[in-house]
Protein backbone atom coordinates (compact mmCIF):
# COMPACT_ATOMS: atom_id res chain seq x y z
CA UNK A 1 111.08 -46.86 135.87
CA UNK A 2 107.91 -47.92 137.67
CA UNK A 3 106.59 -51.37 136.79
CA UNK A 4 102.83 -51.61 136.89
CA UNK A 5 101.30 -54.94 137.83
CA UNK A 6 98.78 -56.00 135.19
CA UNK A 7 96.94 -57.38 138.21
CA UNK A 8 93.39 -57.44 137.09
CA UNK A 9 93.80 -57.38 133.34
CA UNK A 10 92.44 -60.01 130.98
CA UNK A 11 94.62 -63.02 131.51
CA UNK A 12 95.42 -65.59 128.90
CA UNK A 13 92.99 -68.48 129.13
CA UNK A 14 94.34 -72.00 129.08
CA UNK A 15 92.39 -74.62 127.14
CA UNK A 16 90.77 -77.17 129.44
CA UNK A 17 92.04 -80.65 128.65
CA UNK A 18 90.27 -82.66 131.35
CA UNK A 19 93.36 -83.86 133.24
CA UNK A 20 93.94 -83.30 136.94
CA UNK A 21 93.56 -79.60 137.51
CA UNK A 22 94.04 -79.60 141.28
CA UNK A 23 97.25 -77.55 140.89
CA UNK A 24 96.03 -75.53 137.90
CA UNK A 25 95.14 -71.88 138.37
CA UNK A 26 91.53 -72.12 137.30
CA UNK A 27 89.97 -69.01 138.79
CA UNK A 28 90.77 -65.39 139.61
CA UNK A 29 89.11 -64.15 142.82
CA UNK A 30 88.87 -60.39 143.09
CA UNK A 31 87.01 -57.84 145.19
CA UNK A 32 86.54 -54.19 144.33
CA UNK A 33 86.31 -52.07 147.48
CA UNK A 34 85.12 -48.47 147.59
CA UNK A 35 88.00 -47.24 149.72
CA UNK A 36 91.30 -45.55 148.87
CA UNK A 37 94.18 -48.04 148.86
CA UNK A 38 95.89 -46.73 152.01
CA UNK A 39 92.65 -46.99 154.01
CA UNK A 40 91.88 -50.45 152.69
CA UNK A 41 95.34 -51.75 153.60
CA UNK A 42 95.10 -50.29 157.09
CA UNK A 43 91.60 -51.62 157.77
CA UNK A 44 92.42 -55.03 156.33
CA UNK A 45 95.51 -55.53 158.49
CA UNK A 46 94.43 -53.68 161.67
CA UNK A 47 90.95 -55.19 161.78
CA UNK A 48 91.75 -58.70 160.61
CA UNK A 49 90.17 -60.01 163.82
CA UNK A 50 86.85 -58.52 162.68
CA UNK A 51 86.71 -59.93 159.17
CA UNK A 52 88.67 -63.21 159.25
CA UNK A 53 86.33 -66.19 158.67
CA UNK A 54 85.33 -67.74 162.00
CA UNK A 55 85.36 -71.17 160.32
CA UNK A 56 89.14 -70.92 160.22
CA UNK A 57 89.56 -70.38 163.95
CA UNK A 58 89.88 -73.02 166.66
CA UNK A 59 87.59 -71.06 168.93
CA UNK A 60 84.66 -68.70 168.16
CA UNK A 61 85.96 -66.31 170.81
CA UNK A 62 89.49 -66.17 169.45
CA UNK A 63 91.34 -62.93 168.83
CA UNK A 64 93.44 -62.79 165.68
CA UNK A 65 96.55 -60.69 165.34
CA UNK A 66 98.63 -59.93 162.28
CA UNK A 67 102.21 -58.67 162.49
CA UNK A 68 104.71 -58.34 159.68
CA UNK A 69 106.02 -61.83 160.51
CA UNK A 70 103.11 -63.96 161.81
CA UNK A 71 99.35 -64.42 161.96
CA UNK A 72 98.37 -65.64 165.45
CA UNK A 73 95.18 -66.75 167.12
CA UNK A 74 94.64 -66.29 170.85
CA UNK A 75 91.76 -68.44 172.11
CA UNK A 76 89.43 -67.69 175.02
CA UNK A 77 91.81 -69.54 177.38
CA UNK A 78 94.65 -67.21 176.43
CA UNK A 79 96.44 -69.91 174.43
CA UNK A 80 98.25 -68.48 171.40
CA UNK A 81 98.75 -70.47 168.18
CA UNK A 82 100.62 -69.34 165.10
CA UNK A 83 98.37 -69.93 162.09
CA UNK A 84 100.76 -68.74 159.40
CA UNK A 85 104.10 -67.17 158.79
CA UNK A 86 103.84 -63.85 157.00
CA UNK A 87 106.44 -64.03 154.25
CA UNK A 88 105.64 -60.71 152.61
CA UNK A 89 104.13 -57.72 154.39
CA UNK A 90 104.42 -54.88 151.94
CA UNK A 91 101.97 -52.05 152.72
CA UNK A 92 99.42 -51.30 149.98
CA UNK A 93 100.91 -54.09 147.88
CA UNK A 94 100.95 -57.66 149.17
CA UNK A 95 100.41 -59.94 152.16
CA UNK A 96 101.99 -63.35 151.65
CA UNK A 97 101.03 -66.17 154.03
CA UNK A 98 102.52 -69.60 154.62
CA UNK A 99 100.00 -71.53 156.76
CA UNK A 100 101.51 -73.82 159.38
CA UNK A 101 100.71 -77.56 159.41
CA UNK A 102 98.03 -78.69 161.88
CA UNK A 103 96.03 -75.47 161.47
CA UNK A 104 92.54 -75.27 159.99
CA UNK A 105 93.96 -72.81 157.50
CA UNK A 106 96.49 -75.36 156.24
CA UNK A 107 93.89 -78.16 156.11
CA UNK A 108 91.53 -75.97 154.14
CA UNK A 109 94.08 -74.81 151.58
CA UNK A 110 95.43 -78.35 151.13
CA UNK A 111 98.74 -77.23 149.71
CA UNK A 112 102.10 -76.03 151.00
CA UNK A 113 102.67 -73.24 148.52
CA UNK A 114 100.99 -70.57 150.66
CA UNK A 115 98.72 -67.81 149.40
CA UNK A 116 98.85 -64.07 148.85
CA UNK A 117 96.42 -61.20 149.07
CA UNK A 118 97.26 -58.45 146.58
CA UNK A 119 96.20 -54.82 146.79
CA UNK A 120 96.03 -52.32 143.96
CA UNK A 121 94.43 -48.96 143.48
CA UNK A 122 91.51 -48.53 141.16
CA UNK A 123 91.17 -44.77 140.95
CA UNK A 124 91.38 -42.41 143.92
CA UNK A 125 88.43 -43.74 145.90
CA UNK A 126 88.42 -47.40 145.01
CA UNK A 127 90.79 -50.37 145.38
CA UNK A 128 91.13 -53.94 144.22
CA UNK A 129 92.06 -56.98 146.25
CA UNK A 130 92.91 -60.35 144.79
CA UNK A 131 93.70 -63.63 146.51
CA UNK A 132 96.06 -65.98 144.70
CA UNK A 133 97.73 -69.32 145.34
CA UNK A 134 101.45 -69.19 146.08
CA UNK A 135 103.65 -66.40 147.36
CA UNK A 136 103.66 -63.34 145.14
CA UNK A 137 106.63 -61.04 145.54
CA UNK A 138 106.15 -57.35 146.30
CA UNK A 139 106.16 -55.18 143.17
CA UNK A 140 109.70 -53.92 143.55
CA UNK A 141 111.12 -57.41 144.05
CA UNK A 142 109.30 -58.91 141.09
CA UNK A 143 111.64 -59.21 138.14
CA UNK A 144 108.83 -60.60 136.04
CA UNK A 145 105.17 -60.99 136.79
CA UNK A 146 104.30 -63.83 139.11
CA UNK A 147 101.53 -66.05 137.85
CA UNK A 148 98.25 -65.23 139.53
CA UNK A 149 95.07 -67.19 140.10
CA UNK A 150 93.79 -69.77 142.55
CA UNK A 151 94.48 -73.51 142.32
CA UNK A 152 91.38 -75.66 141.97
CA UNK A 153 92.08 -77.38 145.30
CA UNK A 154 92.41 -74.03 147.08
CA UNK A 155 89.32 -72.41 145.65
CA UNK A 156 86.97 -73.12 148.53
CA UNK A 157 89.41 -71.81 151.15
CA UNK A 158 90.51 -68.82 149.10
CA UNK A 159 86.88 -67.90 148.44
CA UNK A 160 86.05 -68.16 152.12
CA UNK A 161 88.83 -65.73 153.03
CA UNK A 162 88.33 -63.11 150.34
CA UNK A 163 84.55 -63.29 150.56
CA UNK A 164 84.68 -62.58 154.31
CA UNK A 165 87.00 -59.65 153.73
CA UNK A 166 84.92 -58.26 150.85
CA UNK A 167 81.74 -58.56 152.91
CA UNK A 168 83.37 -56.62 155.77
CA UNK A 169 83.90 -53.73 153.34
CA UNK A 170 80.45 -54.05 151.77
CA UNK A 171 81.91 -55.44 148.55
CA UNK A 172 81.20 -58.50 146.40
CA UNK A 173 83.55 -61.31 145.55
CA UNK A 174 84.04 -61.63 141.79
CA UNK A 175 85.15 -64.92 140.29
CA UNK A 176 86.57 -65.04 136.81
CA UNK A 177 87.36 -68.35 135.15
CA UNK A 178 90.93 -68.64 133.85
CA UNK A 179 90.12 -71.76 131.88
CA UNK A 180 88.19 -71.67 128.66
CA UNK A 181 85.58 -74.35 128.17
CA UNK A 182 85.04 -74.89 131.90
CA UNK A 183 81.80 -73.55 133.24
CA UNK A 184 82.26 -71.34 136.24
CA UNK A 185 79.48 -72.33 138.61
CA UNK A 186 80.27 -69.70 141.22
CA UNK A 187 77.15 -68.29 142.87
CA UNK A 188 77.26 -64.88 144.49
């Protein structure tokens, strides 16, 4: 029995009560890319050095490499740093990252729960990507749906990453508020 992720469906909105929302999932960040899922996954992982935001690198000239276990940056001096552990690398499904302390990535995301990029098909010629706070299990490991959405404190960093990726594929970043009564001031 194949479980379908209700990845991009209308999520339940939580009423906004005004308390500290830094660890609340206040926004869904999604990009719709006009590529079949298999091609998107391949381009996203193989060409990460072309789309990854330069602001997150130590060195403008750095080369980024993604394997199924780590994301590394090699600077112009040939010095290699591990930026994140890759916890999940499930083709055409999920990339789960745990940024290492003392990296720009970790500073920017300001939280130790990691983040995930999810992939889903949207018809034969189009795919959806979503970035979410925390580590989301691959579809076949997920007993129940993991909660999706980006924490308030991670929004800037998550937007930077998915926006750079979307732009590489000629797509737009879409932001959808998960909190009713909070204005979403996101500008495209």
